[in-house]
Amino acid sequence: MNTALTVEADAAQLCCEPGGQTALTAAEAQESARILKALSDPNRLRLLSIVKAGEGGEACVCDLTEPLDLGQPTVSHHLKILVDAGLLEREKRGTWAYYSLVPGALEAAAARILGL
């Protein structure tokens, strides 16, 4: 048998073998995209930072509009995206909503991003 053909056949076989890492499933890709979209906005990053720096690691929605110089509906929209992405949790106290980081959520998001 021709040695050149054997080398080509071996190379073709190697390139078609699966690697050691597994690819993302469709559900994992959806979840990663949702988190990345939530983190892709500078205002949402600032909201996460403000909440994390708040007393007790939480912040009232009433304290979040002024630092961002945004209206309440816009801030509420950004907060909803962060809650839906699993990064913040919301607790209603009387007429106000308080937001705090979901424990381990930022670390899990970083691990997911670095694992891509």
N, C-alpha and C. Protein backbone atom coordinates (compact mmCIF):
# COMPACT_ATOMS: atom_id res chain seq x y z
N MET A 1 0.84 -1.18 0.00
CA MET A 1 0.00 0.00 0.00
C MET A 1 0.89 1.24 0.00
N ASN A 2 0.42 2.30 -0.64
CA ASN A 2 1.17 3.54 -0.77
C ASN A 2 1.23 4.23 0.60
N THR A 3 2.43 4.62 1.06
CA THR A 3 2.63 5.25 2.35
C THR A 3 1.92 6.60 2.43
N ALA A 4 1.92 7.36 1.36
CA ALA A 4 1.25 8.67 1.34
C ALA A 4 -0.25 8.50 1.57
N LEU A 5 -0.85 7.47 0.96
CA LEU A 5 -2.28 7.22 1.15
C LEU A 5 -2.58 6.80 2.58
N THR A 6 -1.68 6.02 3.18
CA THR A 6 -1.86 5.58 4.56
C THR A 6 -1.83 6.78 5.51
N VAL A 7 -0.89 7.72 5.30
CA VAL A 7 -0.78 8.91 6.14
C VAL A 7 -2.04 9.76 6.00
N GLU A 8 -2.53 9.93 4.76
CA GLU A 8 -3.76 10.71 4.53
C GLU A 8 -4.95 10.04 5.21
N ALA A 9 -5.05 8.74 5.11
CA ALA A 9 -6.16 8.01 5.73
C ALA A 9 -6.09 8.14 7.25
N ASP A 10 -4.89 8.05 7.83
CA ASP A 10 -4.73 8.21 9.28
C ASP A 10 -5.12 9.62 9.71
N ALA A 11 -4.71 10.63 8.94
CA ALA A 11 -5.03 12.02 9.28
C ALA A 11 -6.54 12.26 9.18
N ALA A 12 -7.17 11.71 8.17
CA ALA A 12 -8.61 11.88 8.01
C ALA A 12 -9.36 11.22 9.17
N GLN A 13 -8.90 10.07 9.60
CA GLN A 13 -9.53 9.38 10.71
C GLN A 13 -9.37 10.18 12.01
N LEU A 14 -8.19 10.77 12.23
CA LEU A 14 -7.95 11.55 13.44
C LEU A 14 -8.82 12.79 13.50
N CYS A 15 -9.03 13.47 12.37
CA CYS A 15 -9.79 14.72 12.41
C CYS A 15 -11.28 14.46 12.63
N CYS A 16 -11.70 13.25 12.41
CA CYS A 16 -13.12 12.95 12.57
C CYS A 16 -13.46 12.33 13.92
N GLU A 17 -12.45 12.06 14.73
CA GLU A 17 -12.71 11.49 16.05
C GLU A 17 -13.11 12.60 17.01
N PRO A 18 -14.09 12.34 17.87
CA PRO A 18 -14.51 13.38 18.82
C PRO A 18 -13.40 13.70 19.81
N GLY A 19 -13.34 14.96 20.23
CA GLY A 19 -12.35 15.40 21.21
C GLY A 19 -12.73 14.95 22.60
N GLY A 20 -11.90 15.30 23.56
CA GLY A 20 -12.14 14.90 24.94
C GLY A 20 -13.24 15.70 25.63
N GLN A 21 -13.50 16.93 25.15
CA GLN A 21 -14.52 17.76 25.77
C GLN A 21 -15.85 17.56 25.08
N THR A 22 -16.92 17.70 25.84
CA THR A 22 -18.24 17.59 25.24
C THR A 22 -18.73 18.98 24.86
N ALA A 23 -19.49 19.03 23.80
CA ALA A 23 -20.05 20.30 23.33
C ALA A 23 -21.28 20.63 24.18
N LEU A 24 -21.65 21.90 24.16
CA LEU A 24 -22.85 22.33 24.87
C LEU A 24 -24.09 21.68 24.27
N THR A 25 -25.01 21.34 25.11
CA THR A 25 -26.31 20.90 24.61
C THR A 25 -27.09 22.14 24.22
N ALA A 26 -28.21 21.95 23.55
CA ALA A 26 -29.05 23.08 23.16
C ALA A 26 -29.52 23.84 24.39
N ALA A 27 -29.91 23.12 25.44
CA ALA A 27 -30.38 23.77 26.67
C ALA A 27 -29.26 24.55 27.35
N GLU A 28 -28.06 24.00 27.38
CA GLU A 28 -26.92 24.70 27.98
C GLU A 28 -26.57 25.94 27.19
N ALA A 29 -26.64 25.86 25.88
CA ALA A 29 -26.36 27.02 25.03
C ALA A 29 -27.39 28.12 25.26
N GLN A 30 -28.67 27.73 25.40
CA GLN A 30 -29.74 28.70 25.68
C GLN A 30 -29.48 29.40 27.01
N GLU A 31 -29.15 28.63 28.03
CA GLU A 31 -28.89 29.19 29.36
C GLU A 31 -27.68 30.12 29.34
N SER A 32 -26.63 29.71 28.67
CA SER A 32 -25.43 30.55 28.58
C SER A 32 -25.74 31.85 27.84
N ALA A 33 -26.50 31.77 26.77
CA ALA A 33 -26.86 32.97 26.01
C ALA A 33 -27.70 33.92 26.86
N ARG A 34 -28.61 33.37 27.64
CA ARG A 34 -29.47 34.20 28.49
C ARG A 34 -28.62 34.95 29.52
N ILE A 35 -27.66 34.28 30.11
CA ILE A 35 -26.79 34.91 31.10
C ILE A 35 -25.90 35.95 30.43
N LEU A 36 -25.32 35.60 29.28
CA LEU A 36 -24.45 36.54 28.58
C LEU A 36 -25.22 37.78 28.12
N LYS A 37 -26.45 37.59 27.67
CA LYS A 37 -27.28 38.75 27.28
C LYS A 37 -27.54 39.64 28.48
N ALA A 38 -27.83 39.03 29.62
CA ALA A 38 -28.10 39.80 30.84
C ALA A 38 -26.86 40.60 31.25
N LEU A 39 -25.70 40.03 31.08
CA LEU A 39 -24.46 40.68 31.49
C LEU A 39 -23.90 41.63 30.44
N SER A 40 -24.48 41.66 29.26
CA SER A 40 -23.92 42.44 28.16
C SER A 40 -24.28 43.92 28.20
N ASP A 41 -25.11 44.33 29.13
CA ASP A 41 -25.53 45.73 29.21
C ASP A 41 -24.81 46.43 30.35
N PRO A 42 -24.18 47.58 30.10
CA PRO A 42 -23.46 48.29 31.17
C PRO A 42 -24.34 48.68 32.35
N ASN A 43 -25.59 49.04 32.11
CA ASN A 43 -26.49 49.39 33.20
C ASN A 43 -26.78 48.19 34.09
N ARG A 44 -26.92 47.02 33.49
CA ARG A 44 -27.16 45.82 34.30
C ARG A 44 -25.92 45.44 35.10
N LEU A 45 -24.75 45.62 34.53
CA LEU A 45 -23.52 45.37 35.29
C LEU A 45 -23.42 46.32 36.48
N ARG A 46 -23.79 47.57 36.27
CA ARG A 46 -23.78 48.53 37.36
C ARG A 46 -24.81 48.15 38.43
N LEU A 47 -25.98 47.70 38.01
CA LEU A 47 -26.99 47.27 38.98
C LEU A 47 -26.47 46.13 39.83
N LEU A 48 -25.84 45.15 39.22
CA LEU A 48 -25.26 44.04 39.98
C LEU A 48 -24.24 44.56 40.99
N SER A 49 -23.42 45.49 40.56
CA SER A 49 -22.38 46.05 41.42
C SER A 49 -22.99 46.83 42.59
N ILE A 50 -24.02 47.62 42.31
CA ILE A 50 -24.68 48.40 43.36
C ILE A 50 -25.35 47.48 44.37
N VAL A 51 -26.03 46.47 43.88
CA VAL A 51 -26.70 45.53 44.79
C VAL A 51 -25.67 44.80 45.64
N LYS A 52 -24.61 44.33 45.02
CA LYS A 52 -23.57 43.60 45.76
C LYS A 52 -22.93 44.49 46.83
N ALA A 53 -22.73 45.77 46.52
CA ALA A 53 -22.09 46.69 47.44
C ALA A 53 -23.05 47.23 48.50
N GLY A 54 -24.34 46.98 48.33
CA GLY A 54 -25.34 47.50 49.27
C GLY A 54 -25.21 46.88 50.64
N GLU A 55 -25.79 47.58 51.62
CA GLU A 55 -25.76 47.08 52.99
C GLU A 55 -26.44 45.72 53.06
N GLY A 56 -25.74 44.75 53.58
CA GLY A 56 -26.28 43.40 53.66
C GLY A 56 -26.34 42.70 52.31
N GLY A 57 -25.67 43.27 51.29
CA GLY A 57 -25.67 42.66 49.96
C GLY A 57 -27.01 42.75 49.26
N GLU A 58 -27.77 43.79 49.59
CA GLU A 58 -29.06 43.98 48.94
C GLU A 58 -29.31 45.47 48.72
N ALA A 59 -30.28 45.77 47.87
CA ALA A 59 -30.64 47.16 47.60
C ALA A 59 -32.13 47.25 47.30
N CYS A 60 -32.73 48.33 47.77
CA CYS A 60 -34.13 48.61 47.47
C CYS A 60 -34.22 49.21 46.08
N VAL A 61 -35.25 48.85 45.35
CA VAL A 61 -35.43 49.39 44.02
C VAL A 61 -35.48 50.92 44.06
N CYS A 62 -35.96 51.47 45.17
CA CYS A 62 -36.05 52.93 45.30
C CYS A 62 -34.67 53.59 45.30
N ASP A 63 -33.62 52.83 45.59
CA ASP A 63 -32.26 53.37 45.63
C ASP A 63 -31.47 53.11 44.35
N LEU A 64 -32.10 52.54 43.35
CA LEU A 64 -31.36 52.14 42.15
C LEU A 64 -31.54 53.08 40.95
N THR A 65 -32.53 53.93 40.98
CA THR A 65 -32.75 54.80 39.81
C THR A 65 -31.76 55.96 39.77
N GLU A 66 -31.52 56.59 40.90
CA GLU A 66 -30.64 57.77 40.92
C GLU A 66 -29.20 57.47 40.48
N PRO A 67 -28.55 56.42 40.99
CA PRO A 67 -27.16 56.17 40.58
C PRO A 67 -27.01 55.93 39.07
N LEU A 68 -28.04 55.38 38.45
CA LEU A 68 -27.96 55.09 37.01
C LEU A 68 -28.48 56.23 36.15
N ASP A 69 -29.16 57.20 36.79
CA ASP A 69 -29.78 58.31 36.07
C ASP A 69 -30.73 57.78 35.00
N LEU A 70 -31.51 56.78 35.39
CA LEU A 70 -32.52 56.18 34.52
C LEU A 70 -33.87 56.24 35.21
N GLY A 71 -34.91 56.20 34.42
CA GLY A 71 -36.25 56.19 34.98
C GLY A 71 -36.57 54.86 35.63
N GLN A 72 -37.58 54.87 36.51
CA GLN A 72 -37.97 53.67 37.23
C GLN A 72 -38.39 52.54 36.29
N PRO A 73 -39.17 52.80 35.22
CA PRO A 73 -39.53 51.68 34.34
C PRO A 73 -38.32 51.02 33.67
N THR A 74 -37.32 51.82 33.32
CA THR A 74 -36.12 51.26 32.68
C THR A 74 -35.32 50.42 33.67
N VAL A 75 -35.18 50.93 34.89
CA VAL A 75 -34.46 50.18 35.92
C VAL A 75 -35.19 48.87 36.22
N SER A 76 -36.52 48.94 36.32
CA SER A 76 -37.31 47.73 36.58
C SER A 76 -37.13 46.71 35.45
N HIS A 77 -37.06 47.18 34.22
CA HIS A 77 -36.84 46.28 33.07
C HIS A 77 -35.49 45.57 33.21
N HIS A 78 -34.44 46.34 33.53
CA HIS A 78 -33.11 45.74 33.69
C HIS A 78 -33.08 44.75 34.85
N LEU A 79 -33.74 45.09 35.94
CA LEU A 79 -33.79 44.19 37.09
C LEU A 79 -34.52 42.89 36.75
N LYS A 80 -35.59 43.00 35.98
CA LYS A 80 -36.34 41.80 35.56
C LYS A 80 -35.45 40.86 34.74
N ILE A 81 -34.66 41.43 33.86
CA ILE A 81 -33.75 40.61 33.05
C ILE A 81 -32.73 39.90 33.94
N LEU A 82 -32.21 40.60 34.93
CA LEU A 82 -31.24 40.00 35.84
C LEU A 82 -31.88 38.92 36.71
N VAL A 83 -33.12 39.13 37.12
CA VAL A 83 -33.84 38.11 37.89
C VAL A 83 -34.12 36.90 37.00
N ASP A 84 -34.59 37.13 35.78
CA ASP A 84 -34.90 36.04 34.86
C ASP A 84 -33.66 35.22 34.50
N ALA A 85 -32.50 35.87 34.51
CA ALA A 85 -31.24 35.17 34.21
C ALA A 85 -30.71 34.41 35.42
N GLY A 86 -31.40 34.56 36.56
CA GLY A 86 -30.97 33.84 37.76
C GLY A 86 -29.83 34.49 38.51
N LEU A 87 -29.57 35.77 38.23
CA LEU A 87 -28.46 36.46 38.88
C LEU A 87 -28.91 37.23 40.14
N LEU A 88 -30.12 37.76 40.11
CA LEU A 88 -30.66 38.48 41.25
C LEU A 88 -31.94 37.79 41.71
N GLU A 89 -32.25 37.97 43.00
CA GLU A 89 -33.54 37.54 43.51
C GLU A 89 -34.25 38.76 44.07
N ARG A 90 -35.57 38.72 44.02
CA ARG A 90 -36.42 39.84 44.41
C ARG A 90 -37.25 39.44 45.61
N GLU A 91 -37.30 40.35 46.59
CA GLU A 91 -38.14 40.12 47.77
C GLU A 91 -39.00 41.36 47.97
N LYS A 92 -40.29 41.16 48.02
CA LYS A 92 -41.24 42.27 48.23
C LYS A 92 -41.38 42.51 49.73
N ARG A 93 -41.19 43.76 50.15
CA ARG A 93 -41.37 44.16 51.55
C ARG A 93 -42.26 45.41 51.56
N GLY A 94 -43.50 45.21 51.91
CA GLY A 94 -44.45 46.32 51.87
C GLY A 94 -44.64 46.78 50.44
N THR A 95 -44.40 48.05 50.20
CA THR A 95 -44.57 48.58 48.84
C THR A 95 -43.29 48.54 48.03
N TRP A 96 -42.17 48.15 48.65
CA TRP A 96 -40.87 48.17 47.96
C TRP A 96 -40.38 46.76 47.66
N ALA A 97 -39.58 46.68 46.63
CA ALA A 97 -38.92 45.43 46.27
C ALA A 97 -37.43 45.57 46.58
N TYR A 98 -36.87 44.55 47.19
CA TYR A 98 -35.45 44.52 47.50
C TYR A 98 -34.80 43.43 46.65
N TYR A 99 -33.62 43.75 46.16
CA TYR A 99 -32.89 42.82 45.30
C TYR A 99 -31.58 42.42 45.96
N SER A 100 -31.23 41.16 45.78
CA SER A 100 -29.96 40.64 46.28
C SER A 100 -29.43 39.64 45.27
N LEU A 101 -28.13 39.41 45.34
CA LEU A 101 -27.51 38.43 44.44
C LEU A 101 -27.95 37.03 44.82
N VAL A 102 -28.20 36.20 43.85
CA VAL A 102 -28.45 34.79 44.11
C VAL A 102 -27.11 34.19 44.52
N PRO A 103 -27.04 33.56 45.70
CA PRO A 103 -25.76 33.00 46.15
C PRO A 103 -25.16 32.06 45.10
N GLY A 104 -23.91 32.33 44.76
CA GLY A 104 -23.18 31.50 43.81
C GLY A 104 -23.48 31.76 42.34
N ALA A 105 -24.42 32.65 42.05
CA ALA A 105 -24.83 32.86 40.65
C ALA A 105 -23.72 33.47 39.80
N LEU A 106 -23.02 34.46 40.34
CA LEU A 106 -21.95 35.09 39.57
C LEU A 106 -20.80 34.11 39.34
N GLU A 107 -20.49 33.33 40.34
CA GLU A 107 -19.43 32.33 40.19
C GLU A 107 -19.82 31.27 39.15
N ALA A 108 -21.08 30.85 39.20
CA ALA A 108 -21.56 29.87 38.23
C ALA A 108 -21.56 30.46 36.81
N ALA A 109 -21.92 31.73 36.69
CA ALA A 109 -21.91 32.39 35.38
C ALA A 109 -20.48 32.47 34.85
N ALA A 110 -19.55 32.84 35.72
CA ALA A 110 -18.13 32.91 35.30
C ALA A 110 -17.63 31.54 34.87
N ALA A 111 -17.96 30.51 35.61
CA ALA A 111 -17.53 29.15 35.25
C ALA A 111 -18.13 28.73 33.92
N ARG A 112 -19.39 29.08 33.70
CA ARG A 112 -20.05 28.72 32.45
C ARG A 112 -19.39 29.43 31.27
N ILE A 113 -19.07 30.72 31.46
CA ILE A 113 -18.44 31.50 30.39
C ILE A 113 -17.04 30.95 30.12
N LEU A 114 -16.27 30.70 31.17
CA LEU A 114 -14.91 30.21 30.99
C LEU A 114 -14.89 28.79 30.42
N GLY A 115 -15.95 28.05 30.63
CA GLY A 115 -16.01 26.69 30.12
C GLY A 115 -16.37 26.60 28.64
N LEU A 116 -16.73 27.74 28.03
CA LEU A 116 -17.11 27.71 26.61
C LEU A 116 -15.95 27.38 25.73
